[in-house]
Amino acid sequence: MFMNCREYRNSLMEWARGVAPAPEVVSHLEECPPCARFLEGQRALSAAMASLAAEPAPPAEQFQIRVMAEFDKVKPARRPVLRWVLAGALAALVVLGAMWSSRSVPAPVAEEEPGFLPIPYIVPLSPQESTTVWRMEIPVAKLRAVGYRIQVSDPGAVVEADVLVGQDGRARAIRPLSISSSN
C-alpha cells in the first residue's frame, strides 16, 4: 500500500520518542530525505524536552515571581485616544467653519422676536438659554429635508432667512425673509 509523507509523520514522531517503527516506515525513510530530516528534528526536540524535564522545577514562589516579572515587562497597548480627540475637534471645526462661511451679519440676540418658525423635530429652547440670530441663505432642498413645507417651483431656490441659534450652536427656528431663484 502506498502512503504519502504526511501519513508517516505520526509514526516518525513516535519513533523519535522511542517507540519502535513499523518496517514500511523504515523503508520509506531510506527513500525520502525530507522525512529523514523531519525524524532528526523530532529526535532533537525529544532530547531537548527530556533535558527540560530532568531539570528540577523551581519553587512555587520563585516561579510566581518570574511570571509576574514577565508581565511587568509587557507594555499595555496604546489606545488611539488622542487620534479620536483630534478627529472630533477637526470635525467640529469643519462644522463651525461651514456655519461661519454661510453666515452674513449677525443680528442682535432675539429671544422673543416675532415671526420665527420652530424647526420641526428639534427640542425647544429653555427659558434661560441665550440665543443669537444669524442671517443665512438656505437652499430650499435643505429646508425640505428638515421638515418644512415650501411651495417653490425651482428646487434650486435659496431662502434668505434669520436663523435663531441656541447657545449649544444648534439652529432652533428660522424667520424667512425672501426667496431667490438659483438662476
N, C-alpha and C. Protein backbone atom coordinates (compact mmCIF):
# COMPACT_ATOMS: atom_id res chain seq x y z
N MET A 1 0.83 -1.16 0.00
CA MET A 1 0.00 0.00 0.00
C MET A 1 0.89 1.24 0.00
N PHE A 2 0.57 2.21 -0.85
CA PHE A 2 1.36 3.43 -0.99
C PHE A 2 0.85 4.50 -0.04
N MET A 3 1.75 5.14 0.70
CA MET A 3 1.39 6.22 1.62
C MET A 3 2.23 7.44 1.29
N ASN A 4 1.68 8.61 1.52
CA ASN A 4 2.49 9.81 1.30
C ASN A 4 3.18 10.22 2.59
N CYS A 5 4.07 11.21 2.50
CA CYS A 5 4.89 11.60 3.65
C CYS A 5 4.06 12.08 4.84
N ARG A 6 2.97 12.76 4.58
CA ARG A 6 2.14 13.28 5.66
C ARG A 6 1.60 12.13 6.52
N GLU A 7 1.34 11.01 5.91
CA GLU A 7 0.80 9.88 6.66
C GLU A 7 1.86 9.20 7.52
N TYR A 8 3.16 9.46 7.23
CA TYR A 8 4.24 8.89 8.03
C TYR A 8 4.63 9.77 9.21
N ARG A 9 4.16 11.00 9.25
CA ARG A 9 4.62 11.95 10.27
C ARG A 9 4.37 11.45 11.69
N ASN A 10 3.19 10.97 11.99
CA ASN A 10 2.90 10.48 13.35
C ASN A 10 3.83 9.33 13.74
N SER A 11 4.08 8.41 12.81
CA SER A 11 4.98 7.29 13.09
C SER A 11 6.39 7.79 13.34
N LEU A 12 6.85 8.78 12.57
CA LEU A 12 8.20 9.32 12.77
C LEU A 12 8.31 10.02 14.12
N MET A 13 7.26 10.75 14.54
CA MET A 13 7.28 11.40 15.86
C MET A 13 7.35 10.37 16.98
N GLU A 14 6.59 9.29 16.83
CA GLU A 14 6.62 8.24 17.85
C GLU A 14 7.98 7.55 17.88
N TRP A 15 8.58 7.36 16.70
CA TRP A 15 9.92 6.75 16.63
C TRP A 15 10.93 7.64 17.35
N ALA A 16 10.83 8.97 17.18
CA ALA A 16 11.74 9.89 17.86
C ALA A 16 11.56 9.84 19.37
N ARG A 17 10.39 9.47 19.84
CA ARG A 17 10.12 9.38 21.28
C ARG A 17 10.51 8.01 21.86
N GLY A 18 10.90 7.08 20.97
CA GLY A 18 11.38 5.79 21.47
C GLY A 18 10.52 4.61 21.12
N VAL A 19 9.42 4.78 20.40
CA VAL A 19 8.56 3.67 20.01
C VAL A 19 9.14 3.06 18.73
N ALA A 20 9.24 1.74 18.69
CA ALA A 20 9.82 1.06 17.53
C ALA A 20 8.95 1.29 16.30
N PRO A 21 9.59 1.61 15.14
CA PRO A 21 8.81 1.89 13.93
C PRO A 21 8.38 0.63 13.21
N ALA A 22 7.37 0.78 12.38
CA ALA A 22 6.92 -0.32 11.52
C ALA A 22 7.92 -0.45 10.36
N PRO A 23 8.03 -1.64 9.75
CA PRO A 23 9.01 -1.85 8.66
C PRO A 23 8.77 -0.90 7.46
N GLU A 24 7.51 -0.60 7.13
CA GLU A 24 7.28 0.29 5.98
C GLU A 24 7.74 1.72 6.26
N VAL A 25 7.76 2.14 7.56
CA VAL A 25 8.25 3.46 7.91
C VAL A 25 9.76 3.51 7.69
N VAL A 26 10.47 2.44 8.09
CA VAL A 26 11.92 2.39 7.92
C VAL A 26 12.28 2.39 6.44
N SER A 27 11.56 1.63 5.63
CA SER A 27 11.86 1.57 4.19
C SER A 27 11.53 2.93 3.53
N HIS A 28 10.47 3.62 3.97
CA HIS A 28 10.15 4.93 3.42
C HIS A 28 11.24 5.94 3.79
N LEU A 29 11.75 5.84 5.00
CA LEU A 29 12.77 6.76 5.47
C LEU A 29 14.05 6.64 4.64
N GLU A 30 14.38 5.42 4.19
CA GLU A 30 15.58 5.21 3.38
C GLU A 30 15.44 5.88 2.00
N GLU A 31 14.21 6.05 1.52
CA GLU A 31 13.98 6.61 0.19
C GLU A 31 13.59 8.09 0.21
N CYS A 32 13.32 8.67 1.39
CA CYS A 32 12.77 10.04 1.45
C CYS A 32 13.63 10.94 2.34
N PRO A 33 14.48 11.78 1.73
CA PRO A 33 15.32 12.69 2.53
C PRO A 33 14.51 13.70 3.38
N PRO A 34 13.38 14.25 2.87
CA PRO A 34 12.64 15.17 3.76
C PRO A 34 12.14 14.51 5.03
N CYS A 35 11.70 13.25 4.95
CA CYS A 35 11.24 12.55 6.14
C CYS A 35 12.41 12.22 7.07
N ALA A 36 13.61 11.97 6.50
CA ALA A 36 14.79 11.72 7.33
C ALA A 36 15.14 12.99 8.11
N ARG A 37 15.07 14.15 7.46
CA ARG A 37 15.33 15.41 8.17
C ARG A 37 14.26 15.66 9.24
N PHE A 38 13.02 15.33 8.93
CA PHE A 38 11.95 15.51 9.91
C PHE A 38 12.21 14.64 11.14
N LEU A 39 12.65 13.40 10.93
CA LEU A 39 12.94 12.49 12.05
C LEU A 39 14.08 13.05 12.90
N GLU A 40 15.13 13.59 12.28
CA GLU A 40 16.25 14.16 13.04
C GLU A 40 15.78 15.36 13.86
N GLY A 41 14.92 16.18 13.28
CA GLY A 41 14.37 17.32 14.02
C GLY A 41 13.53 16.86 15.20
N GLN A 42 12.75 15.83 15.02
CA GLN A 42 11.93 15.30 16.11
C GLN A 42 12.79 14.68 17.21
N ARG A 43 13.90 14.03 16.82
CA ARG A 43 14.81 13.46 17.82
C ARG A 43 15.46 14.58 18.64
N ALA A 44 15.85 15.68 17.96
CA ALA A 44 16.44 16.81 18.68
C ALA A 44 15.41 17.44 19.63
N LEU A 45 14.18 17.54 19.17
CA LEU A 45 13.13 18.09 20.01
C LEU A 45 12.87 17.19 21.22
N SER A 46 12.84 15.89 21.02
CA SER A 46 12.63 14.95 22.13
C SER A 46 13.77 15.04 23.13
N ALA A 47 15.01 15.19 22.66
CA ALA A 47 16.16 15.31 23.56
C ALA A 47 16.06 16.62 24.36
N ALA A 48 15.68 17.69 23.71
CA ALA A 48 15.56 18.97 24.42
C ALA A 48 14.46 18.89 25.48
N MET A 49 13.33 18.28 25.13
CA MET A 49 12.24 18.15 26.10
C MET A 49 12.66 17.26 27.27
N ALA A 50 13.44 16.21 27.01
CA ALA A 50 13.90 15.34 28.08
C ALA A 50 14.84 16.09 29.02
N SER A 51 15.71 16.94 28.46
CA SER A 51 16.63 17.69 29.33
C SER A 51 15.86 18.70 30.17
N LEU A 52 14.81 19.30 29.61
CA LEU A 52 13.99 20.22 30.41
C LEU A 52 13.26 19.48 31.52
N ALA A 53 12.78 18.29 31.22
CA ALA A 53 12.06 17.51 32.23
C ALA A 53 12.99 17.06 33.34
N ALA A 54 14.29 16.90 33.03
CA ALA A 54 15.25 16.45 34.04
C ALA A 54 15.62 17.57 35.00
N GLU A 55 15.46 18.83 34.60
CA GLU A 55 15.78 19.95 35.49
C GLU A 55 14.77 19.99 36.63
N PRO A 56 15.24 20.33 37.83
CA PRO A 56 14.29 20.43 38.94
C PRO A 56 13.39 21.66 38.73
N ALA A 57 12.15 21.52 39.10
CA ALA A 57 11.18 22.62 38.98
C ALA A 57 11.49 23.68 40.03
N PRO A 58 11.40 24.94 39.70
CA PRO A 58 11.66 25.98 40.70
C PRO A 58 10.56 25.97 41.75
N PRO A 59 10.87 26.45 42.94
CA PRO A 59 9.82 26.54 43.96
C PRO A 59 8.68 27.44 43.46
N ALA A 60 7.50 27.20 43.98
CA ALA A 60 6.31 27.91 43.51
C ALA A 60 6.45 29.43 43.65
N GLU A 61 7.10 29.89 44.75
CA GLU A 61 7.25 31.33 44.94
C GLU A 61 8.13 31.94 43.86
N GLN A 62 9.25 31.27 43.55
CA GLN A 62 10.15 31.79 42.52
C GLN A 62 9.47 31.77 41.15
N PHE A 63 8.70 30.74 40.89
CA PHE A 63 8.00 30.65 39.61
C PHE A 63 7.01 31.81 39.47
N GLN A 64 6.27 32.07 40.54
CA GLN A 64 5.30 33.15 40.51
C GLN A 64 6.00 34.50 40.34
N ILE A 65 7.13 34.70 40.98
CA ILE A 65 7.88 35.94 40.86
C ILE A 65 8.37 36.12 39.42
N ARG A 66 8.88 35.04 38.81
CA ARG A 66 9.37 35.13 37.44
C ARG A 66 8.23 35.43 36.47
N VAL A 67 7.07 34.80 36.68
CA VAL A 67 5.93 35.06 35.80
C VAL A 67 5.46 36.50 35.92
N MET A 68 5.36 37.00 37.14
CA MET A 68 4.91 38.38 37.35
C MET A 68 5.92 39.37 36.78
N ALA A 69 7.21 39.05 36.86
CA ALA A 69 8.23 39.93 36.27
C ALA A 69 8.06 40.00 34.76
N GLU A 70 7.71 38.91 34.13
CA GLU A 70 7.46 38.92 32.68
C GLU A 70 6.24 39.77 32.35
N PHE A 71 5.21 39.70 33.19
CA PHE A 71 4.03 40.54 32.96
C PHE A 71 4.39 42.03 33.10
N ASP A 72 5.29 42.34 34.04
CA ASP A 72 5.70 43.73 34.22
C ASP A 72 6.45 44.27 33.01
N LYS A 73 7.12 43.40 32.27
CA LYS A 73 7.86 43.83 31.08
C LYS A 73 6.94 44.20 29.94
N VAL A 74 5.74 43.64 29.92
CA VAL A 74 4.81 43.88 28.82
C VAL A 74 4.19 45.26 28.99
N LYS A 75 4.28 46.07 27.95
CA LYS A 75 3.69 47.40 27.98
C LYS A 75 2.28 47.32 27.43
N PRO A 76 1.34 48.01 28.07
CA PRO A 76 -0.04 47.96 27.57
C PRO A 76 -0.13 48.62 26.20
N ALA A 77 -1.07 48.14 25.42
CA ALA A 77 -1.29 48.68 24.08
C ALA A 77 -1.80 50.12 24.20
N ARG A 78 -1.26 50.99 23.38
CA ARG A 78 -1.71 52.38 23.39
C ARG A 78 -3.03 52.48 22.66
N ARG A 79 -3.94 53.13 23.31
CA ARG A 79 -5.23 53.36 22.67
C ARG A 79 -5.16 54.69 21.94
N PRO A 80 -5.72 54.75 20.78
CA PRO A 80 -5.62 55.99 19.99
C PRO A 80 -6.59 57.07 20.46
N VAL A 81 -6.57 57.38 21.75
CA VAL A 81 -7.49 58.38 22.29
C VAL A 81 -7.20 59.75 21.69
N LEU A 82 -5.92 60.11 21.64
CA LEU A 82 -5.56 61.41 21.09
C LEU A 82 -6.02 61.53 19.64
N ARG A 83 -5.89 60.45 18.89
CA ARG A 83 -6.32 60.47 17.50
C ARG A 83 -7.82 60.75 17.39
N TRP A 84 -8.63 60.13 18.27
CA TRP A 84 -10.08 60.35 18.24
C TRP A 84 -10.43 61.77 18.69
N VAL A 85 -9.71 62.28 19.69
CA VAL A 85 -9.97 63.64 20.15
C VAL A 85 -9.66 64.63 19.04
N LEU A 86 -8.53 64.44 18.37
CA LEU A 86 -8.18 65.33 17.27
C LEU A 86 -9.16 65.23 16.12
N ALA A 87 -9.63 64.02 15.82
CA ALA A 87 -10.61 63.86 14.75
C ALA A 87 -11.92 64.56 15.11
N GLY A 88 -12.34 64.45 16.36
CA GLY A 88 -13.57 65.13 16.79
C GLY A 88 -13.42 66.65 16.74
N ALA A 89 -12.26 67.14 17.16
CA ALA A 89 -12.01 68.58 17.11
C ALA A 89 -12.00 69.07 15.66
N LEU A 90 -11.40 68.29 14.78
CA LEU A 90 -11.38 68.67 13.37
C LEU A 90 -12.78 68.70 12.79
N ALA A 91 -13.60 67.71 13.14
CA ALA A 91 -14.98 67.68 12.65
C ALA A 91 -15.76 68.89 13.16
N ALA A 92 -15.56 69.24 14.43
CA ALA A 92 -16.24 70.41 14.98
C ALA A 92 -15.79 71.69 14.27
N LEU A 93 -14.50 71.78 13.98
CA LEU A 93 -14.01 72.97 13.26
C LEU A 93 -14.58 73.06 11.85
N VAL A 94 -14.73 71.92 11.19
CA VAL A 94 -15.31 71.92 9.85
C VAL A 94 -16.76 72.40 9.90
N VAL A 95 -17.52 71.89 10.87
CA VAL A 95 -18.91 72.32 11.00
C VAL A 95 -19.00 73.80 11.33
N LEU A 96 -18.20 74.25 12.26
CA LEU A 96 -18.21 75.67 12.61
C LEU A 96 -17.75 76.53 11.44
N GLY A 97 -16.76 76.06 10.70
CA GLY A 97 -16.30 76.80 9.53
C GLY A 97 -17.37 76.91 8.47
N ALA A 98 -18.11 75.83 8.27
CA ALA A 98 -19.20 75.86 7.29
C ALA A 98 -20.29 76.82 7.75
N MET A 99 -20.60 76.81 9.03
CA MET A 99 -21.62 77.72 9.53
C MET A 99 -21.12 79.17 9.44
N TRP A 100 -19.86 79.39 9.74
CA TRP A 100 -19.31 80.74 9.72
C TRP A 100 -19.26 81.28 8.30
N SER A 101 -18.90 80.43 7.33
CA SER A 101 -18.78 80.92 5.96
C SER A 101 -20.14 81.24 5.35
N SER A 102 -21.20 80.54 5.78
CA SER A 102 -22.52 80.82 5.22
C SER A 102 -23.23 81.93 5.99
N ARG A 103 -22.61 82.43 6.99
CA ARG A 103 -23.21 83.45 7.86
C ARG A 103 -22.94 84.83 7.28
N SER A 104 -23.94 85.65 7.33
CA SER A 104 -23.75 87.04 6.89
C SER A 104 -23.45 87.88 8.12
N VAL A 105 -24.28 88.82 8.40
CA VAL A 105 -24.08 89.72 9.52
C VAL A 105 -24.91 89.21 10.69
N PRO A 106 -24.30 89.00 11.86
CA PRO A 106 -25.08 88.54 12.98
C PRO A 106 -26.01 89.64 13.48
N ALA A 107 -27.22 89.24 13.76
CA ALA A 107 -28.19 90.19 14.31
C ALA A 107 -28.07 90.15 15.82
N PRO A 108 -28.64 91.09 16.53
CA PRO A 108 -28.57 91.06 17.99
C PRO A 108 -29.36 89.87 18.54
N VAL A 109 -29.14 89.57 19.80
CA VAL A 109 -29.83 88.46 20.45
C VAL A 109 -31.34 88.72 20.41
N ALA A 110 -32.07 87.66 20.02
CA ALA A 110 -33.52 87.85 19.86
C ALA A 110 -34.25 86.64 20.41
N GLU A 111 -34.59 86.66 21.68
CA GLU A 111 -35.31 85.53 22.26
C GLU A 111 -36.80 85.61 21.97
N GLU A 112 -37.34 86.78 21.95
CA GLU A 112 -38.79 86.90 21.86
C GLU A 112 -39.24 87.65 20.62
N GLU A 113 -38.40 87.69 19.59
CA GLU A 113 -38.80 88.38 18.36
C GLU A 113 -39.87 87.58 17.65
N PRO A 114 -40.88 88.22 17.10
CA PRO A 114 -41.95 87.50 16.41
C PRO A 114 -41.52 87.04 15.02
N GLY A 115 -42.25 86.09 14.48
CA GLY A 115 -42.04 85.64 13.11
C GLY A 115 -41.16 84.42 12.96
N PHE A 116 -40.57 83.92 14.03
CA PHE A 116 -39.73 82.74 13.93
C PHE A 116 -40.58 81.48 13.90
N LEU A 117 -40.25 80.57 13.00
CA LEU A 117 -40.92 79.28 12.90
C LEU A 117 -39.99 78.22 13.48
N PRO A 118 -40.45 77.44 14.45
CA PRO A 118 -39.56 76.44 15.04
C PRO A 118 -39.19 75.37 14.01
N ILE A 119 -37.97 74.88 14.09
CA ILE A 119 -37.54 73.80 13.20
C ILE A 119 -38.18 72.52 13.71
N PRO A 120 -38.85 71.78 12.82
CA PRO A 120 -39.52 70.56 13.26
C PRO A 120 -38.55 69.55 13.87
N TYR A 121 -39.03 68.81 14.84
CA TYR A 121 -38.31 67.70 15.47
C TYR A 121 -37.08 68.15 16.27
N ILE A 122 -37.02 69.40 16.66
CA ILE A 122 -35.91 69.92 17.47
C ILE A 122 -36.47 70.29 18.84
N VAL A 123 -35.72 69.98 19.88
CA VAL A 123 -36.13 70.31 21.24
C VAL A 123 -36.18 71.83 21.36
N PRO A 124 -37.27 72.39 21.90
CA PRO A 124 -37.37 73.84 22.01
C PRO A 124 -36.36 74.41 22.99
N LEU A 125 -36.13 75.70 22.88
CA LEU A 125 -35.21 76.40 23.77
C LEU A 125 -35.72 76.40 25.20
N SER A 126 -34.81 76.33 26.14
CA SER A 126 -35.22 76.51 27.53
C SER A 126 -35.29 78.01 27.80
N PRO A 127 -36.08 78.43 28.78
CA PRO A 127 -36.28 79.87 29.04
C PRO A 127 -34.99 80.62 29.36
N GLN A 128 -34.03 79.98 30.02
CA GLN A 128 -32.82 80.68 30.41
C GLN A 128 -31.71 80.61 29.36
N GLU A 129 -31.95 79.93 28.25
CA GLU A 129 -30.91 79.77 27.22
C GLU A 129 -30.78 81.03 26.37
N SER A 130 -29.54 81.46 26.19
CA SER A 130 -29.31 82.64 25.35
C SER A 130 -29.27 82.21 23.89
N THR A 131 -29.63 83.13 23.01
CA THR A 131 -29.68 82.83 21.58
C THR A 131 -28.98 83.92 20.79
N THR A 132 -28.71 83.58 19.54
CA THR A 132 -28.13 84.52 18.58
C THR A 132 -28.90 84.35 17.29
N VAL A 133 -29.03 85.42 16.53
CA VAL A 133 -29.70 85.35 15.23
C VAL A 133 -28.64 85.54 14.15
N TRP A 134 -28.61 84.62 13.21
CA TRP A 134 -27.69 84.71 12.08
C TRP A 134 -28.50 84.85 10.81
N ARG A 135 -28.06 85.71 9.94
CA ARG A 135 -28.71 85.83 8.64
C ARG A 135 -27.96 84.89 7.68
N MET A 136 -28.73 84.02 7.02
CA MET A 136 -28.13 82.99 6.15
C MET A 136 -28.94 82.82 4.89
N GLU A 137 -28.31 82.25 3.88
CA GLU A 137 -29.01 81.82 2.69
C GLU A 137 -29.08 80.30 2.76
N ILE A 138 -30.30 79.75 2.77
CA ILE A 138 -30.50 78.32 2.97
C ILE A 138 -31.16 77.75 1.72
N PRO A 139 -30.59 76.70 1.13
CA PRO A 139 -31.23 76.07 -0.02
C PRO A 139 -32.59 75.48 0.36
N VAL A 140 -33.55 75.60 -0.53
CA VAL A 140 -34.89 75.08 -0.29
C VAL A 140 -34.84 73.57 -0.04
N ALA A 141 -33.97 72.87 -0.74
CA ALA A 141 -33.86 71.41 -0.56
C ALA A 141 -33.50 71.07 0.88
N LYS A 142 -32.64 71.87 1.51
CA LYS A 142 -32.27 71.59 2.91
C LYS A 142 -33.42 71.89 3.85
N LEU A 143 -34.18 72.92 3.57
CA LEU A 143 -35.34 73.21 4.41
C LEU A 143 -36.37 72.10 4.31
N ARG A 144 -36.57 71.58 3.11
CA ARG A 144 -37.50 70.46 2.94
C ARG A 144 -36.98 69.22 3.68
N ALA A 145 -35.67 69.04 3.67
CA ALA A 145 -35.08 67.87 4.32
C ALA A 145 -35.31 67.87 5.83
N VAL A 146 -35.39 69.05 6.45
CA VAL A 146 -35.63 69.10 7.90
C VAL A 146 -37.10 69.17 8.26
N GLY A 147 -37.99 69.20 7.25
CA GLY A 147 -39.41 69.10 7.55
C GLY A 147 -40.28 70.29 7.21
N TYR A 148 -39.73 71.32 6.62
CA TYR A 148 -40.56 72.45 6.22
C TYR A 148 -41.29 72.13 4.92
N ARG A 149 -42.49 72.63 4.80
CA ARG A 149 -43.26 72.50 3.56
C ARG A 149 -43.14 73.82 2.82
N ILE A 150 -42.42 73.82 1.74
CA ILE A 150 -42.19 75.03 0.97
C ILE A 150 -42.66 74.79 -0.45
N GLN A 151 -43.55 75.64 -0.92
CA GLN A 151 -44.10 75.52 -2.27
C GLN A 151 -43.32 76.45 -3.20
N VAL A 152 -42.29 75.92 -3.83
CA VAL A 152 -41.47 76.68 -4.76
C VAL A 152 -41.26 75.80 -6.00
N SER A 153 -41.41 76.40 -7.17
CA SER A 153 -41.28 75.62 -8.40
C SER A 153 -39.82 75.28 -8.70
N ASP A 154 -38.88 76.11 -8.27
CA ASP A 154 -37.46 75.88 -8.53
C ASP A 154 -36.84 75.15 -7.33
N PRO A 155 -36.45 73.87 -7.50
CA PRO A 155 -35.86 73.15 -6.36
C PRO A 155 -34.48 73.68 -5.96
N GLY A 156 -33.86 74.45 -6.83
CA GLY A 156 -32.56 75.02 -6.51
C GLY A 156 -32.64 76.40 -5.89
N ALA A 157 -33.86 76.83 -5.54
CA ALA A 157 -34.04 78.16 -4.97
C ALA A 157 -33.37 78.27 -3.60
N VAL A 158 -33.11 79.49 -3.20
CA VAL A 158 -32.45 79.76 -1.93
C VAL A 158 -33.35 80.70 -1.12
N VAL A 159 -33.46 80.44 0.18
CA VAL A 159 -34.25 81.27 1.07
C VAL A 159 -33.29 82.07 1.93
N GLU A 160 -33.44 83.39 1.90
CA GLU A 160 -32.68 84.21 2.83
C GLU A 160 -33.50 84.26 4.11
N ALA A 161 -32.86 83.94 5.24
CA ALA A 161 -33.61 83.84 6.48
C ALA A 161 -32.74 84.21 7.66
N ASP A 162 -33.40 84.64 8.74
CA ASP A 162 -32.73 84.78 10.02
C ASP A 162 -32.87 83.44 10.73
N VAL A 163 -31.77 82.94 11.27
CA VAL A 163 -31.78 81.65 11.94
C VAL A 163 -31.51 81.88 13.42
N LEU A 164 -32.38 81.39 14.27
CA LEU A 164 -32.24 81.52 15.71
C LEU A 164 -31.41 80.33 16.20
N VAL A 165 -30.25 80.62 16.77
CA VAL A 165 -29.29 79.60 17.19
C VAL A 165 -29.16 79.63 18.69
N GLY A 166 -29.29 78.47 19.33
CA GLY A 166 -29.14 78.38 20.78
C GLY A 166 -27.68 78.44 21.19
N GLN A 167 -27.42 78.51 22.48
CA GLN A 167 -26.05 78.62 22.96
C GLN A 167 -25.25 77.34 22.72
N ASP A 168 -25.94 76.24 22.41
CA ASP A 168 -25.25 75.00 22.08
C ASP A 168 -24.86 74.93 20.61
N GLY A 169 -25.21 75.97 19.82
CA GLY A 169 -24.83 76.01 18.42
C GLY A 169 -25.84 75.38 17.48
N ARG A 170 -26.96 74.91 18.00
CA ARG A 170 -27.98 74.29 17.16
C ARG A 170 -29.00 75.31 16.70
N ALA A 171 -29.38 75.21 15.43
CA ALA A 171 -30.43 76.07 14.90
C ALA A 171 -31.75 75.61 15.50
N ARG A 172 -32.55 76.56 16.02
CA ARG A 172 -33.81 76.21 16.68
C ARG A 172 -35.02 76.70 15.91
N ALA A 173 -34.88 77.81 15.18
CA ALA A 173 -36.02 78.37 14.45
C ALA A 173 -35.49 79.24 13.32
N ILE A 174 -36.35 79.46 12.32
CA ILE A 174 -35.97 80.36 11.23
C ILE A 174 -37.08 81.37 10.99
N ARG A 175 -36.68 82.51 10.44
CA ARG A 175 -37.63 83.52 10.01
C ARG A 175 -37.30 83.83 8.55
N PRO A 176 -38.09 83.28 7.61
CA PRO A 176 -37.80 83.52 6.19
C PRO A 176 -37.97 85.00 5.86
N LEU A 177 -37.03 85.51 5.06
CA LEU A 177 -37.09 86.92 4.63
C LEU A 177 -37.45 87.01 3.15
N SER A 178 -36.76 86.25 2.32
CA SER A 178 -37.06 86.28 0.88
C SER A 178 -36.58 84.99 0.24
N ILE A 179 -37.17 84.69 -0.93
CA ILE A 179 -36.80 83.51 -1.70
C ILE A 179 -36.25 83.99 -3.03
N SER A 180 -35.06 83.49 -3.38
CA SER A 180 -34.50 83.87 -4.67
C SER A 180 -34.23 82.61 -5.47
N SER A 181 -34.38 82.71 -6.77
CA SER A 181 -34.17 81.58 -7.67
C SER A 181 -32.68 81.38 -7.85
N SER A 182 -32.30 80.16 -8.15
CA SER A 182 -30.88 79.86 -8.32
C SER A 182 -30.38 80.34 -9.68
N ASN A 183 -31.26 80.67 -10.59
CA ASN A 183 -30.86 81.11 -11.94
C ASN A 183 -30.32 82.51 -11.91
